[in-house]
Protein backbone atom coordinates (compact mmCIF):
# COMPACT_ATOMS: atom_id res chain seq x y z
CA MET A 1 119.41 140.80 72.54
CA LYS A 2 120.58 142.25 75.78
CA LYS A 3 124.00 141.40 77.07
CA LEU A 4 123.93 141.03 80.80
CA LEU A 5 127.01 140.77 82.90
CA LEU A 6 126.94 139.39 86.41
CA LEU A 7 128.99 141.61 88.65
CA VAL A 8 130.03 141.76 92.25
CA THR A 9 127.85 139.70 94.54
CA CYS A 10 126.75 140.43 98.10
CA PHE A 11 126.06 137.00 99.55
CA ILE A 12 125.37 136.03 103.10
CA SER A 13 127.90 133.23 103.72
CA VAL A 14 129.59 130.22 102.18
CA LEU A 15 128.20 126.69 102.64
CA SER A 16 129.41 123.32 101.43
CA ILE A 17 126.38 121.68 99.87
CA VAL A 18 125.10 118.88 97.65
CA ASN A 19 124.52 121.40 94.87
CA ALA A 20 123.57 125.01 94.47
CA GLN A 21 119.98 124.34 95.46
CA SER A 22 120.43 123.11 99.01
CA SER A 23 122.14 123.83 102.31
CA ALA A 24 122.87 120.12 102.77
CA ILE A 25 126.16 118.25 102.83
CA LEU A 26 126.12 114.69 101.47
CA SER A 27 129.03 112.30 101.99
CA SER A 28 129.43 108.73 100.78
CA ILE A 29 130.61 106.51 103.67
CA TRP A 30 130.74 103.07 102.06
CA THR A 31 129.27 101.15 99.14
CA LYS A 32 129.14 97.39 98.59
CA SER A 33 127.51 96.69 95.25
CA LEU A 34 127.65 94.83 91.97
CA ASN A 35 128.92 98.03 90.37
CA THR A 36 131.80 98.36 92.82
CA GLY A 37 132.58 94.64 92.64
CA ASN A 38 132.58 93.99 96.40
CA PHE A 39 129.04 92.68 96.98
CA THR A 40 127.77 89.18 97.62
CA SER A 41 124.00 88.71 97.66
CA ILE A 42 122.53 88.99 101.17
CA GLY A 43 120.91 85.65 101.88
CA THR A 44 118.83 83.56 99.50
CA ASP A 45 115.81 85.84 99.41
CA SER A 46 116.14 89.08 101.43
CA ARG A 47 113.40 91.59 100.58
CA CYS A 48 113.66 94.05 103.46
CA MET A 49 116.17 96.00 105.57
CA ALA A 50 115.97 97.68 108.97
CA TYR A 51 118.31 99.59 111.30
CA ALA A 52 118.69 99.62 115.08
CA ASN A 53 121.52 100.05 117.58
CA GLY A 54 124.35 100.25 115.08
CA LYS A 55 123.23 97.23 113.06
CA LEU A 56 121.47 96.56 109.78
CA TYR A 57 119.00 93.69 109.68
CA PHE A 58 117.92 91.75 106.60
CA GLY A 59 115.19 89.12 106.67
CA ASP A 60 116.08 85.96 104.73
CA ARG A 61 113.23 83.67 103.76
CA ASN A 62 115.85 81.14 102.59
CA GLY A 63 113.52 79.34 100.25
CA THR A 64 111.24 79.76 97.30
CA GLY A 65 107.76 78.66 96.38
CA THR A 66 106.07 76.80 99.23
CA ASP A 67 109.29 75.71 100.90
CA SER A 68 108.24 75.70 104.56
CA THR A 69 111.06 73.37 105.60
CA SER A 70 113.92 75.80 104.99
CA ILE A 71 115.22 77.62 108.07
CA LYS A 72 114.36 81.31 108.10
CA LYS A 73 117.18 83.67 109.05
CA ILE A 74 118.14 87.22 109.96
CA LYS A 75 121.32 88.55 108.39
CA VAL A 76 123.04 91.06 110.70
CA TYR A 77 125.48 93.66 109.33
CA ASP A 78 127.65 96.32 110.96
CA ALA A 79 126.19 99.72 110.08
CA ILE A 80 129.57 101.42 110.58
CA THR A 81 131.49 99.28 108.10
CA GLY A 82 128.83 97.51 106.05
CA ASP A 83 130.41 94.15 106.90
CA SER A 84 128.47 91.02 107.82
CA ILE A 85 128.44 90.26 111.55
CA LYS A 86 126.43 87.06 111.85
CA THR A 87 123.48 85.01 110.68
CA VAL A 88 120.68 84.26 113.16
CA THR A 89 118.45 81.23 112.52
CA LEU A 90 114.73 81.29 113.36
CA PRO A 91 113.67 77.64 113.72
CA THR A 92 110.32 78.52 115.33
CA ILE A 93 109.15 80.43 112.24
CA ASN A 94 107.98 77.76 109.83
CA ASP A 95 105.63 79.62 107.51
CA ALA A 96 106.28 78.98 103.82
CA PHE A 97 107.16 82.66 103.35
CA GLY A 98 108.18 83.45 106.91
CA ASN A 99 110.34 86.47 107.75
CA ASN A 100 109.55 88.30 104.52
CA THR A 101 109.72 91.63 106.40
CA VAL A 102 112.04 92.83 109.13
CA ARG A 103 111.44 96.27 110.70
CA THR A 104 112.45 97.97 113.92
CA ASP A 105 110.29 100.05 116.26
CA ALA A 106 111.14 103.25 118.12
CA ALA A 107 112.66 101.25 120.98
CA GLY A 108 114.86 99.07 118.76
CA ASN A 109 112.71 95.92 118.94
CA LEU A 110 112.60 93.78 115.80
CA ILE A 111 109.27 93.23 114.05
CA LEU A 112 109.03 90.33 111.59
CA THR A 113 106.19 89.42 109.23
CA ASN A 114 105.54 86.62 106.81
CA MET A 115 104.17 86.98 103.31
CA THR A 116 100.88 85.31 102.55
CA THR A 117 99.47 84.83 99.07
CA ASP A 118 96.00 84.27 100.52
CA ALA A 119 94.92 85.28 104.04
CA ARG A 120 91.41 83.82 103.75
CA THR A 121 90.55 81.41 106.55
CA ALA A 122 89.46 78.47 104.47
CA THR A 123 92.04 78.40 101.72
CA GLY A 124 95.04 80.43 102.73
CA THR A 125 97.86 81.08 105.17
CA PRO A 126 97.40 83.56 108.03
CA PHE A 127 99.32 86.82 108.05
CA HIS A 128 101.73 86.60 110.98
CA VAL A 129 103.67 89.23 112.90
CA TRP A 130 106.35 88.45 115.49
CA LYS A 131 108.33 90.66 117.85
CA MET A 132 111.89 90.18 119.15
CA ALA A 133 113.69 92.27 121.77
CA ASN A 134 116.90 91.74 119.77
CA GLU A 135 118.24 89.37 117.14
CA ASP A 136 119.10 86.72 119.75
CA ALA A 137 115.63 86.61 121.35
CA THR A 138 112.96 84.02 120.55
CA PRO A 139 110.25 85.43 118.24
CA THR A 140 106.88 86.02 119.94
CA LEU A 141 103.78 85.84 117.74
CA ILE A 142 101.61 88.96 118.21
CA ILE A 143 99.33 88.86 115.13
CA ASN A 144 97.65 85.83 113.57
CA PHE A 145 95.29 87.26 110.96
CA THR A 146 92.84 85.70 108.55
CA ASP A 147 89.83 87.32 106.89
CA PRO A 148 86.83 85.02 106.39
CA THR A 149 84.94 87.82 104.62
CA ALA A 150 87.40 87.90 101.70
CA THR A 151 86.01 86.35 98.52
CA LYS A 152 89.22 86.63 96.50
CA ALA A 153 92.79 85.71 97.34
CA MET A 154 94.19 88.24 99.83
CA ARG A 155 97.93 88.69 99.34
CA ILE A 156 99.98 90.61 101.92
CA ASP A 157 103.67 91.15 101.18
CA PHE A 158 104.97 93.57 103.80
CA GLY A 159 104.16 95.08 107.18
CA SER A 160 105.54 97.96 109.22
CA ILE A 161 105.29 99.59 112.65
CA TYR A 162 105.03 103.03 114.22
CA GLY A 163 105.85 103.60 117.90
CA ASP A 164 106.86 100.95 120.44
CA VAL A 165 105.52 97.39 120.20
CA ASN A 166 105.72 97.15 124.00
CA GLY A 167 104.14 100.58 124.50
CA ASP A 168 101.86 102.50 122.14
CA GLY A 169 101.72 102.66 118.37
CA TYR A 170 100.30 100.75 115.44
CA ILE A 171 101.17 98.06 112.90
CA LEU A 172 100.26 98.38 109.22
CA ALA A 173 100.07 95.90 106.36
CA SER A 174 99.21 96.55 102.72
CA ILE A 175 97.04 94.18 100.72
CA SER A 176 98.64 93.75 97.32
CA LYS A 177 96.64 93.62 94.11
CA SER A 178 94.81 90.32 94.25
CA GLY A 179 91.61 90.36 92.23
CA THR A 180 88.65 92.52 91.39
CA VAL A 181 86.82 92.54 94.71
CA THR A 182 85.61 96.07 95.44
CA ASP A 183 88.13 97.92 97.63
CA GLN A 184 90.02 94.76 98.74
CA ASP A 185 93.16 95.66 96.78
CA LYS A 186 92.93 99.27 98.00
CA THR A 187 93.02 98.23 101.66
CA ILE A 188 95.55 98.94 104.39
CA LEU A 189 95.19 96.92 107.60
CA LYS A 190 95.90 98.74 110.88
CA TRP A 191 96.34 97.12 114.29
CA THR A 192 96.49 99.53 117.25
CA ILE A 193 98.98 98.95 120.08
CA ASN A 194 97.99 100.18 123.54
CA SER A 195 100.37 99.57 126.46
CA GLY A 196 101.94 96.66 124.57
CA VAL A 197 98.62 95.00 123.70
CA VAL A 198 97.88 94.59 119.98
CA SER A 199 94.25 94.87 118.89
CA SER A 200 92.76 91.52 117.89
CA THR A 201 90.97 92.86 114.81
CA PRO A 202 92.53 95.34 112.38
CA GLU A 203 90.88 98.49 111.13
CA LYS A 204 90.49 98.48 107.35
CA ILE A 205 91.62 101.72 105.70
CA ILE A 206 90.48 102.14 102.08
CA LEU A 207 92.88 104.34 100.11
CA GLN A 208 91.10 107.15 98.27
CA GLY A 209 93.21 107.42 95.14
CA TYR A 210 96.80 106.99 93.95
CA SER A 211 99.62 108.76 92.17
CA PRO A 212 99.59 108.49 89.19
CA ALA A 213 95.83 109.01 89.24
CA THR A 214 95.32 106.28 86.63
CA VAL A 215 96.32 103.58 89.14
CA THR A 216 93.39 101.81 90.80
CA SER A 217 94.99 99.54 93.43
CA ASN A 218 97.92 99.18 95.83
CA GLY A 219 99.73 97.20 93.16
CA SER A 220 102.29 94.44 93.56
CA TYR A 221 104.86 94.24 96.40
CA ALA A 222 103.37 97.33 98.04
CA GLN A 223 105.65 98.67 100.79
CA ILE A 224 104.27 100.80 103.64
CA TYR A 225 106.05 103.33 105.86
CA PRO A 226 104.46 105.11 108.86
CA VAL A 227 105.83 108.62 109.43
CA ASN A 228 103.81 109.81 112.42
CA ALA A 229 100.73 108.94 114.46
CA THR A 230 98.30 109.85 111.68
CA GLN A 231 100.13 109.50 108.36
CA PHE A 232 101.95 106.86 106.34
CA TYR A 233 103.49 106.34 102.89
CA VAL A 234 102.43 103.58 100.50
CA ASP A 235 104.63 102.68 97.54
CA GLY A 236 103.56 99.93 95.14
CA ALA A 237 105.11 98.68 91.91
CA THR A 238 102.95 101.00 89.77
CA THR A 239 102.77 104.07 92.02
CA TYR A 240 104.91 106.92 93.25
CA PRO A 241 105.48 107.12 97.03
CA THR A 242 102.31 108.78 98.31
CA LEU A 243 101.53 110.15 101.77
CA TYR A 244 98.14 109.16 103.22
CA ASN A 245 96.13 110.13 106.26
CA THR A 246 94.82 107.31 108.42
CA ASN A 247 91.32 107.85 106.97
CA GLY A 248 92.67 106.86 103.55
CA THR A 249 92.74 110.31 101.95
CA ILE A 250 95.86 111.51 100.16
CA ALA A 251 97.81 114.02 102.24
CA ASP A 252 100.54 114.78 99.69
CA GLY A 253 102.52 113.29 96.85
CA PHE A 254 104.26 113.81 93.53
CA SER A 255 101.03 115.11 92.00
CA ASN A 256 101.79 118.30 93.97
CA ALA A 257 105.47 118.47 92.96
CA PRO A 258 106.72 121.35 90.78
CA ILE A 259 106.13 120.95 87.05
CA GLY A 260 109.21 119.53 85.37
CA ILE A 261 110.77 117.98 88.46
CA THR A 262 112.42 114.61 87.89
CA LYS A 263 110.22 111.93 89.48
CA PRO A 264 111.20 108.41 90.44
CA LYS A 265 110.12 105.50 88.28
CA THR A 266 107.15 103.70 89.76
CA ASN A 267 108.97 100.35 89.81
CA GLY A 268 111.20 101.12 92.81
CA ASN A 269 109.35 100.58 96.10
CA GLY A 270 110.92 102.41 99.02
CA VAL A 271 110.76 105.76 100.79
CA ALA A 272 112.16 107.39 103.95
CA THR A 273 112.06 110.90 105.38
CA VAL A 274 114.11 112.94 107.83
CA LYS A 275 114.00 116.50 109.16
CA LEU A 276 117.26 118.29 109.94
CA GLY A 277 116.91 121.70 111.49
CA THR A 278 114.02 123.30 109.64
CA THR A 279 114.59 121.36 106.43
CA ASP A 280 112.75 118.17 105.43
CA PHE A 281 114.30 115.58 103.14
CA LEU A 282 112.84 112.60 101.30
CA ILE A 283 114.78 109.63 99.95
CA CYS A 284 113.07 107.16 97.64
CA GLY A 285 113.81 104.37 95.22
CA ALA A 286 114.35 106.05 91.84
CA ASN A 287 114.48 102.92 89.71
CA ALA A 288 114.82 99.16 90.10
CA ASP A 289 116.16 97.28 87.08
CA THR A 290 114.29 98.82 84.15
CA ASP A 291 113.63 102.09 82.31
CA LEU A 292 116.56 104.29 83.28
CA THR A 293 120.20 103.95 82.29
CA THR A 294 121.10 104.14 85.98
CA LYS A 295 119.54 101.13 87.68
CA ASN A 296 118.90 100.25 91.32
CA CYS A 297 119.41 103.83 92.44
CA PHE A 298 117.76 106.40 94.73
CA TYR A 299 116.74 110.06 94.62
CA LEU A 300 117.36 112.54 97.44
CA TYR A 301 114.93 115.48 97.55
CA LYS A 302 114.76 118.59 99.68
CA MET A 303 111.08 119.13 100.45
CA GLY A 304 109.15 122.38 100.28
CA ASP A 305 108.01 124.50 103.19
CA GLY A 306 106.58 122.35 105.99
CA GLY A 307 107.85 119.14 104.37
CA THR A 308 105.45 119.37 101.44
CA PHE A 309 105.98 118.19 97.85
CA THR A 310 105.18 121.71 96.65
CA GLY A 311 108.52 123.40 96.04
CA MET A 312 110.53 120.17 96.43
CA ILE A 313 113.95 120.00 94.76
CA LEU A 314 115.85 116.97 93.49
CA LEU A 315 119.31 117.16 95.03
CA ASP A 316 121.12 114.03 93.92
CA THR A 317 121.07 110.45 92.62
CA LEU A 318 122.46 107.85 95.02
CA PRO A 319 124.77 106.34 93.94
CA VAL A 320 125.34 108.33 90.76
CA ALA A 321 126.00 105.12 88.82
CA GLY A 322 123.46 103.03 90.77
CA LEU A 323 124.19 99.93 92.83
CA GLY A 324 124.09 97.50 89.92
CA THR A 325 122.29 96.33 86.80
CA GLY A 326 121.19 92.97 88.19
CA ALA A 327 117.59 91.81 88.22
CA ASN A 328 115.39 93.27 90.98
CA ILE A 329 112.14 91.46 90.28
CA TYR A 330 110.43 92.46 93.54
CA SER A 331 111.03 96.23 93.15
CA VAL A 332 113.01 96.32 96.43
CA VAL A 333 114.83 99.67 96.44
CA LEU A 334 114.77 100.55 100.14
CA PRO A 335 116.21 103.53 102.05
CA VAL A 336 116.40 103.58 105.86
CA VAL A 337 117.35 106.68 107.87
CA GLU A 338 119.14 106.87 111.22
CA LYS A 339 118.79 110.40 112.62
CA ILE A 340 121.86 111.26 114.70
CA ASN A 341 120.84 114.74 115.84
CA GLU A 342 119.19 117.88 114.49
CA THR A 343 121.99 118.47 111.97
CA LYS A 344 123.06 114.97 110.90
CA ALA A 345 121.56 111.67 109.71
CA ASN A 346 122.82 108.44 108.16
CA ILE A 347 121.09 107.09 105.05
CA TYR A 348 121.29 103.33 104.35
CA LEU A 349 120.35 102.01 100.92
CA TYR A 350 119.49 98.48 99.79
CA ALA A 351 118.59 97.22 96.31
CA TYR A 352 117.60 93.56 96.14
CA LYS A 353 120.56 91.42 95.00
CA ASN A 354 122.45 94.52 93.80
CA GLY A 355 124.03 96.11 96.85
CA ILE A 356 123.98 98.24 99.98
CA ALA A 357 125.41 101.68 100.72
CA LYS A 358 125.69 104.30 103.44
CA TYR A 359 125.67 108.09 103.15
CA GLU A 360 125.87 110.87 105.71
CA LEU A 361 123.50 113.81 105.28
CA SER A 362 124.12 116.95 107.33
CA ILE A 363 123.35 120.65 107.42
CA ASN A 364 125.39 123.59 108.64
CA ALA A 365 123.82 124.47 111.97
CA THR A 366 125.08 128.06 111.88
CA ALA A 367 123.71 128.85 108.44
CA ILE A 368 120.57 126.80 107.89
CA ASN A 369 118.63 129.88 106.83
CA GLU A 370 121.03 130.84 104.04
CA ILE A 371 121.80 129.79 100.47
CA LYS A 372 125.32 128.94 99.34
CA ASN A 373 127.65 131.61 98.00
CA ASP A 374 127.61 130.38 94.39
CA ASP A 375 128.02 132.67 91.39
CA ASN A 376 125.91 130.31 89.29
CA TYR A 377 122.94 130.11 91.67
CA ILE A 378 121.24 132.97 89.77
CA THR A 379 121.95 132.93 86.04
CA ILE A 380 120.90 135.09 83.08
CA LYS A 381 119.91 133.87 79.62
CA ASN A 382 118.17 135.63 76.75
CA GLY A 383 117.07 138.58 78.85
CA GLU A 384 115.71 136.49 81.70
CA ILE A 385 116.99 136.01 85.22
CA ILE A 386 116.87 132.22 85.78
CA LEU A 387 116.40 130.64 89.21
CA PRO A 388 117.12 126.99 90.07
CA GLU A 389 113.95 126.60 92.14
CA MET A 390 110.60 128.29 92.66
CA SER A 391 111.22 131.53 94.56
CA ASN A 392 109.89 134.97 95.36
CA VAL A 393 111.94 137.64 93.54
CA ASP A 394 112.41 141.36 94.11
CA ILE A 395 114.59 143.59 91.90
CA TYR A 396 115.84 146.91 93.32
CA SER A 397 117.71 149.91 92.02
CA VAL A 398 121.07 150.58 93.70
CA SER A 399 119.33 153.35 95.68
CA GLY A 400 116.99 150.75 97.22
CA GLN A 401 113.82 151.42 95.22
CA LYS A 402 111.84 148.24 94.47
CA LEU A 403 111.26 148.04 90.71
CA ILE A 404 109.97 144.52 90.01
CA SER A 405 108.40 141.89 92.26
CA SER A 406 107.14 138.41 91.43
CA GLN A 407 106.01 135.44 93.51
CA ASN A 408 106.58 131.71 93.08
CA VAL A 409 108.51 131.86 89.80
CA TYR A 410 111.45 130.12 88.18
CA SER A 411 112.44 133.13 86.05
CA ILE A 412 111.74 136.85 85.63
CA ASN A 413 112.45 139.38 82.88
CA ALA A 414 115.52 141.51 83.54
CA PRO A 415 115.03 145.31 83.73
CA ALA A 416 114.93 146.99 80.33
CA ARG A 417 117.19 149.94 81.20
CA ARG A 418 120.96 149.69 81.28
CA GLY A 419 122.44 149.84 84.79
CA ILE A 420 123.24 148.03 88.02
CA TYR A 421 120.41 146.27 89.90
CA VAL A 422 120.08 144.23 93.05
CA VAL A 423 118.22 140.89 92.86
CA LYS A 424 116.86 139.45 96.09
CA ILE A 425 115.24 136.00 96.18
CA LYS A 426 113.66 133.81 98.83
CA ASN A 427 112.87 130.16 98.09
CA GLN A 428 109.94 128.08 99.30
CA THR A 429 111.72 127.03 102.50
CA GLY A 430 112.63 130.61 103.43
CA LEU A 431 116.29 130.53 102.37
CA SER A 432 117.44 133.83 100.88
CA LYS A 433 120.09 135.24 98.55
CA THR A 434 121.07 138.65 97.19
CA LYS A 435 123.03 139.35 94.00
CA LYS A 436 124.03 142.39 91.91
CA ILE A 437 123.62 142.32 88.15
CA PHE A 438 124.62 144.73 85.39
CA VAL A 439 122.36 145.24 82.36
CA ARG A 440 123.93 146.77 79.27
């Protein structure tokens, strides 16, 4: 067996990072959770979180079953400190499951939706969407939807928005698994917004597959997250977060992730993305209250080139110990991102009845094209040069002659002859590193 000794290194610069696989800096700002002992449940039944203008918003249905008499509320928290600011009552929203979702649009307006267990005209409750300029405004109803063509119960848990509700954009809602009607439980409803006017009839988008591929419907408690004008994520209780085009085809997902990467459990519904500099990140619910030892936690990934799942890297678990081990029966493990600028973003985390947290994610603006100066970034074991992520590798003699080259690999055989060699690697996002090794 060869003995290989790592010698002097010729690295580009030093970065503080999450780990040796990223040029990102992650800092915990505050945590209020069952695990840290400083968390009191937010409202009676709060299944969603949103951010705008320095505040976190939680919808509180304040009732169970068909309790339409209880007053619906919005819980408002200070995003800087994580402390409660106030509770806003919504007496004009009297649906049995009113204010199940709270979101914010690009302009900071609040978007509220109810949950309906059956949106058929004859037997059910309409799906409703309201808008509010701020938490103190009176809700204005903008969508009152029923579907007389449905032959099975049509359940809708959550909605979301892209763009500006008073300008241009769209509103989405996911039909949860609700029977065996062909395509009904694969459907996403899309209302277009033009100059502040919401279309009266939604477009029906039929999803063309899931991840895992064995799944055949949107599943229970399906959350939906628009990312741009033509793409959105769907995350149900039996699926991984999957990116779709607005024609229903899969654009990307964990089926394209590197072999062996740690994936989230399918029971945590929540995903958010942010791009800092040239690097894309994804944060998703890793686990609700089952399966893993660490419960009600999140995964932070650095995405591959162009924001793709190919070449993605798991950077960290947030929090490392999770937010708590309490029951999370609705799979609510939600991240929300506030992008500050091209080098910094805040990440807010919420796990139903287990806690909230805030992290700061940043990159070094002067070195975003470099990999950290870390002696353990490239390691050697049993005659192989081991890399922490898929990379292109070139090995040179000290005179500069290229001896070995390999593309898209995690390891490569070390040179057979004794001597000093130079290893140069470039990962899938274009970050590079150079290191000298000695084979003897």
